[in-house]
N, C-alpha and C. Protein backbone atom coordinates (compact mmCIF):
# COMPACT_ATOMS: atom_id res chain seq x y z
N UNK A 1 -3.10 14.82 -38.60
CA UNK A 1 -3.76 15.71 -37.68
C UNK A 1 -4.90 15.03 -36.94
N UNK A 2 -5.55 14.10 -37.59
CA UNK A 2 -6.70 13.43 -36.99
C UNK A 2 -6.61 11.96 -37.31
N UNK A 3 -7.34 11.20 -36.53
CA UNK A 3 -7.35 9.75 -36.74
C UNK A 3 -8.77 9.27 -37.00
N UNK A 4 -9.57 10.14 -37.59
CA UNK A 4 -10.97 9.85 -37.86
C UNK A 4 -11.20 9.63 -39.35
N UNK A 5 -12.14 8.75 -39.66
CA UNK A 5 -12.50 8.47 -41.04
C UNK A 5 -12.92 9.75 -41.76
N UNK A 6 -13.70 10.57 -41.08
CA UNK A 6 -14.19 11.83 -41.67
C UNK A 6 -13.03 12.70 -42.16
N UNK A 7 -11.97 12.78 -41.40
CA UNK A 7 -10.81 13.60 -41.75
C UNK A 7 -10.19 13.13 -43.07
N UNK A 8 -9.95 11.83 -43.19
CA UNK A 8 -9.33 11.30 -44.41
C UNK A 8 -10.28 11.39 -45.60
N UNK A 9 -11.57 11.17 -45.36
CA UNK A 9 -12.55 11.30 -46.44
C UNK A 9 -12.58 12.74 -46.94
N UNK A 10 -12.55 13.69 -46.01
CA UNK A 10 -12.54 15.11 -46.41
C UNK A 10 -11.30 15.46 -47.22
N UNK A 11 -10.15 14.91 -46.84
CA UNK A 11 -8.92 15.17 -47.60
C UNK A 11 -9.06 14.76 -49.06
N UNK A 12 -9.81 13.71 -49.28
CA UNK A 12 -9.97 13.17 -50.64
C UNK A 12 -11.28 13.62 -51.30
N UNK A 13 -11.99 14.53 -50.61
CA UNK A 13 -13.27 15.01 -51.12
C UNK A 13 -14.26 13.88 -51.37
N UNK A 14 -14.31 12.94 -50.44
CA UNK A 14 -15.23 11.81 -50.51
C UNK A 14 -16.14 11.83 -49.30
N UNK A 15 -17.26 11.17 -49.41
CA UNK A 15 -18.09 11.00 -48.22
C UNK A 15 -17.43 9.93 -47.35
N UNK A 16 -17.62 9.99 -46.04
CA UNK A 16 -17.04 8.95 -45.18
C UNK A 16 -17.50 7.54 -45.56
N UNK A 17 -18.76 7.42 -45.96
CA UNK A 17 -19.28 6.11 -46.34
C UNK A 17 -18.57 5.58 -47.58
N UNK A 18 -18.42 6.42 -48.59
CA UNK A 18 -17.74 5.99 -49.81
C UNK A 18 -16.27 5.70 -49.54
N UNK A 19 -15.63 6.54 -48.75
CA UNK A 19 -14.23 6.30 -48.38
C UNK A 19 -14.10 4.94 -47.71
N UNK A 20 -15.01 4.65 -46.77
CA UNK A 20 -14.99 3.36 -46.09
C UNK A 20 -15.18 2.20 -47.04
N UNK A 21 -16.07 2.37 -48.00
CA UNK A 21 -16.32 1.32 -48.99
C UNK A 21 -15.08 1.07 -49.84
N UNK A 22 -14.44 2.13 -50.30
CA UNK A 22 -13.24 1.99 -51.14
C UNK A 22 -12.12 1.31 -50.35
N UNK A 23 -11.93 1.73 -49.11
CA UNK A 23 -10.87 1.12 -48.28
C UNK A 23 -11.16 -0.36 -48.07
N UNK A 24 -12.41 -0.68 -47.75
CA UNK A 24 -12.77 -2.09 -47.49
C UNK A 24 -12.59 -2.93 -48.75
N UNK A 25 -12.99 -2.42 -49.90
CA UNK A 25 -12.85 -3.16 -51.16
C UNK A 25 -11.38 -3.34 -51.52
N UNK A 26 -10.57 -2.35 -51.21
CA UNK A 26 -9.15 -2.38 -51.57
C UNK A 26 -8.32 -3.21 -50.62
N UNK A 27 -8.60 -3.08 -49.32
CA UNK A 27 -7.74 -3.71 -48.30
C UNK A 27 -8.39 -4.88 -47.57
N UNK A 28 -9.71 -4.95 -47.59
CA UNK A 28 -10.41 -6.01 -46.88
C UNK A 28 -10.64 -5.69 -45.40
N UNK A 29 -10.30 -4.48 -44.98
CA UNK A 29 -10.52 -4.09 -43.59
C UNK A 29 -11.30 -2.77 -43.53
N UNK A 30 -11.88 -2.48 -42.37
CA UNK A 30 -12.61 -1.23 -42.18
C UNK A 30 -11.66 -0.04 -42.30
N UNK A 31 -12.23 1.09 -42.68
CA UNK A 31 -11.43 2.31 -42.82
C UNK A 31 -10.78 2.69 -41.48
N UNK A 32 -11.50 2.53 -40.39
CA UNK A 32 -10.94 2.87 -39.08
C UNK A 32 -9.74 1.98 -38.74
N UNK A 33 -9.81 0.71 -39.11
CA UNK A 33 -8.67 -0.19 -38.89
C UNK A 33 -7.50 0.19 -39.79
N UNK A 34 -7.80 0.58 -41.01
CA UNK A 34 -6.75 1.02 -41.93
C UNK A 34 -6.03 2.24 -41.38
N UNK A 35 -6.80 3.18 -40.83
CA UNK A 35 -6.21 4.39 -40.26
C UNK A 35 -5.29 4.03 -39.10
N UNK A 36 -5.73 3.14 -38.22
CA UNK A 36 -4.88 2.71 -37.10
C UNK A 36 -3.58 2.11 -37.64
N UNK A 37 -3.68 1.22 -38.60
CA UNK A 37 -2.48 0.60 -39.18
C UNK A 37 -1.56 1.64 -39.80
N UNK A 38 -2.16 2.62 -40.49
CA UNK A 38 -1.37 3.68 -41.11
C UNK A 38 -0.62 4.49 -40.06
N UNK A 39 -1.31 4.90 -39.01
CA UNK A 39 -0.69 5.70 -37.96
C UNK A 39 0.42 4.91 -37.26
N UNK A 40 0.18 3.66 -36.96
CA UNK A 40 1.20 2.83 -36.30
C UNK A 40 2.39 2.62 -37.22
N UNK A 41 2.15 2.41 -38.50
CA UNK A 41 3.24 2.25 -39.46
C UNK A 41 4.08 3.52 -39.53
N UNK A 42 3.41 4.67 -39.55
CA UNK A 42 4.14 5.94 -39.57
C UNK A 42 4.97 6.10 -38.30
N UNK A 43 4.39 5.77 -37.17
CA UNK A 43 5.12 5.88 -35.90
C UNK A 43 6.35 4.97 -35.90
N UNK A 44 6.17 3.74 -36.32
CA UNK A 44 7.29 2.79 -36.35
C UNK A 44 8.38 3.28 -37.29
N UNK A 45 7.99 3.85 -38.41
CA UNK A 45 8.96 4.38 -39.34
C UNK A 45 9.74 5.54 -38.71
N UNK A 46 9.05 6.41 -38.02
CA UNK A 46 9.74 7.53 -37.35
C UNK A 46 10.69 7.02 -36.28
N UNK A 47 10.27 6.02 -35.53
CA UNK A 47 11.16 5.45 -34.51
C UNK A 47 12.42 4.87 -35.15
N UNK A 48 12.25 4.19 -36.27
CA UNK A 48 13.37 3.53 -36.93
C UNK A 48 14.32 4.51 -37.62
N UNK A 49 13.75 5.50 -38.29
CA UNK A 49 14.58 6.36 -39.14
C UNK A 49 14.84 7.76 -38.61
N UNK A 50 14.21 8.10 -37.50
CA UNK A 50 14.43 9.41 -36.91
C UNK A 50 14.72 9.28 -35.40
N UNK A 51 15.83 8.66 -35.05
CA UNK A 51 16.16 8.48 -33.64
C UNK A 51 16.39 9.81 -32.91
N UNK A 52 16.56 10.88 -33.67
CA UNK A 52 16.76 12.20 -33.08
C UNK A 52 15.47 12.79 -32.51
N UNK A 53 14.32 12.26 -32.92
CA UNK A 53 13.04 12.77 -32.43
C UNK A 53 12.66 12.12 -31.10
N UNK A 54 12.14 12.91 -30.20
CA UNK A 54 11.63 12.35 -28.94
C UNK A 54 10.26 11.73 -29.20
N UNK A 55 9.80 10.92 -28.26
CA UNK A 55 8.47 10.33 -28.37
C UNK A 55 7.42 11.44 -28.43
N UNK A 56 7.63 12.48 -27.67
CA UNK A 56 6.70 13.60 -27.67
C UNK A 56 6.65 14.27 -29.05
N UNK A 57 7.79 14.45 -29.68
CA UNK A 57 7.82 15.05 -31.02
C UNK A 57 7.12 14.16 -32.04
N UNK A 58 7.32 12.85 -31.93
CA UNK A 58 6.64 11.92 -32.83
C UNK A 58 5.13 11.99 -32.61
N UNK A 59 4.73 12.01 -31.35
CA UNK A 59 3.30 12.12 -31.02
C UNK A 59 2.71 13.38 -31.66
N UNK A 60 3.42 14.48 -31.54
CA UNK A 60 2.95 15.74 -32.11
C UNK A 60 2.87 15.65 -33.64
N UNK A 61 3.88 15.07 -34.27
CA UNK A 61 3.88 14.94 -35.74
C UNK A 61 2.71 14.10 -36.23
N UNK A 62 2.29 13.14 -35.42
CA UNK A 62 1.21 12.25 -35.82
C UNK A 62 -0.17 12.75 -35.38
N UNK A 63 -0.21 13.96 -34.83
CA UNK A 63 -1.49 14.57 -34.51
C UNK A 63 -2.08 14.23 -33.16
N UNK A 64 -1.28 13.73 -32.25
CA UNK A 64 -1.77 13.44 -30.91
C UNK A 64 -1.60 14.66 -30.02
N UNK A 65 -2.53 14.88 -29.11
CA UNK A 65 -2.46 16.08 -28.27
C UNK A 65 -1.31 16.06 -27.26
N UNK A 66 -0.88 14.84 -26.89
CA UNK A 66 0.22 14.74 -25.93
C UNK A 66 0.84 13.34 -26.01
N UNK A 67 1.97 13.20 -25.34
CA UNK A 67 2.72 11.94 -25.37
C UNK A 67 1.94 10.80 -24.71
N UNK A 68 1.21 11.10 -23.64
CA UNK A 68 0.48 10.05 -22.93
C UNK A 68 -0.61 9.43 -23.82
N UNK A 69 -1.33 10.28 -24.53
CA UNK A 69 -2.38 9.78 -25.42
C UNK A 69 -1.76 8.92 -26.52
N UNK A 70 -0.68 9.39 -27.10
CA UNK A 70 0.02 8.62 -28.13
C UNK A 70 0.52 7.29 -27.58
N UNK A 71 1.10 7.31 -26.39
CA UNK A 71 1.65 6.08 -25.79
C UNK A 71 0.55 5.04 -25.58
N UNK A 72 -0.61 5.46 -25.09
CA UNK A 72 -1.73 4.53 -24.89
C UNK A 72 -2.19 3.97 -26.23
N UNK A 73 -2.32 4.83 -27.23
CA UNK A 73 -2.75 4.43 -28.57
C UNK A 73 -1.75 3.44 -29.17
N UNK A 74 -0.47 3.76 -29.07
CA UNK A 74 0.57 2.91 -29.64
C UNK A 74 0.57 1.55 -28.95
N UNK A 75 0.53 1.54 -27.63
CA UNK A 75 0.58 0.28 -26.89
C UNK A 75 -0.64 -0.58 -27.21
N UNK A 76 -1.81 0.03 -27.28
CA UNK A 76 -3.04 -0.71 -27.58
C UNK A 76 -3.02 -1.32 -28.97
N UNK A 77 -2.34 -0.67 -29.90
CA UNK A 77 -2.37 -1.12 -31.29
C UNK A 77 -1.10 -1.79 -31.78
N UNK A 78 0.00 -1.60 -31.08
CA UNK A 78 1.26 -2.22 -31.49
C UNK A 78 1.71 -3.31 -30.51
N UNK A 79 1.04 -3.39 -29.36
CA UNK A 79 1.35 -4.45 -28.42
C UNK A 79 2.50 -4.16 -27.47
N UNK A 80 3.08 -2.99 -27.55
CA UNK A 80 4.16 -2.61 -26.64
C UNK A 80 4.23 -1.10 -26.56
N UNK A 81 4.90 -0.61 -25.55
CA UNK A 81 5.01 0.84 -25.39
C UNK A 81 5.95 1.41 -26.45
N UNK A 82 5.80 2.70 -26.73
CA UNK A 82 6.72 3.33 -27.68
C UNK A 82 8.18 3.24 -27.21
N UNK A 83 8.39 3.38 -25.93
CA UNK A 83 9.75 3.31 -25.39
C UNK A 83 10.35 1.93 -25.63
N UNK A 84 9.57 0.88 -25.37
CA UNK A 84 10.07 -0.48 -25.59
C UNK A 84 10.32 -0.72 -27.07
N UNK A 85 9.41 -0.25 -27.93
CA UNK A 85 9.59 -0.42 -29.37
C UNK A 85 10.86 0.28 -29.82
N UNK A 86 11.06 1.49 -29.37
CA UNK A 86 12.24 2.26 -29.77
C UNK A 86 13.52 1.58 -29.31
N UNK A 87 13.51 0.92 -28.17
CA UNK A 87 14.72 0.29 -27.64
C UNK A 87 15.22 -0.85 -28.53
N UNK A 88 14.41 -1.29 -29.46
CA UNK A 88 14.83 -2.35 -30.39
C UNK A 88 15.82 -1.86 -31.43
N UNK A 89 15.97 -0.54 -31.54
CA UNK A 89 16.84 0.01 -32.59
C UNK A 89 18.12 0.49 -32.01
């Protein structure tokens, strides 16, 4: 639903600072970077295993308000557009 550290910290009943500390100690990266990687991994998985879903449906499932916002986010973090990534399958 959200891509903010606060959202994930709240899900786990942790403070954002403590959540960030745990993520950094566990993964070696900032919590915000971990969230980006998680969202992109989920998107890639949906592209690979759910070819029946449109890009808009995937964007909605991942908590983006619209396909354009998701496409910009995906391209900035995955290095290619969702359409180009999907064409690999």
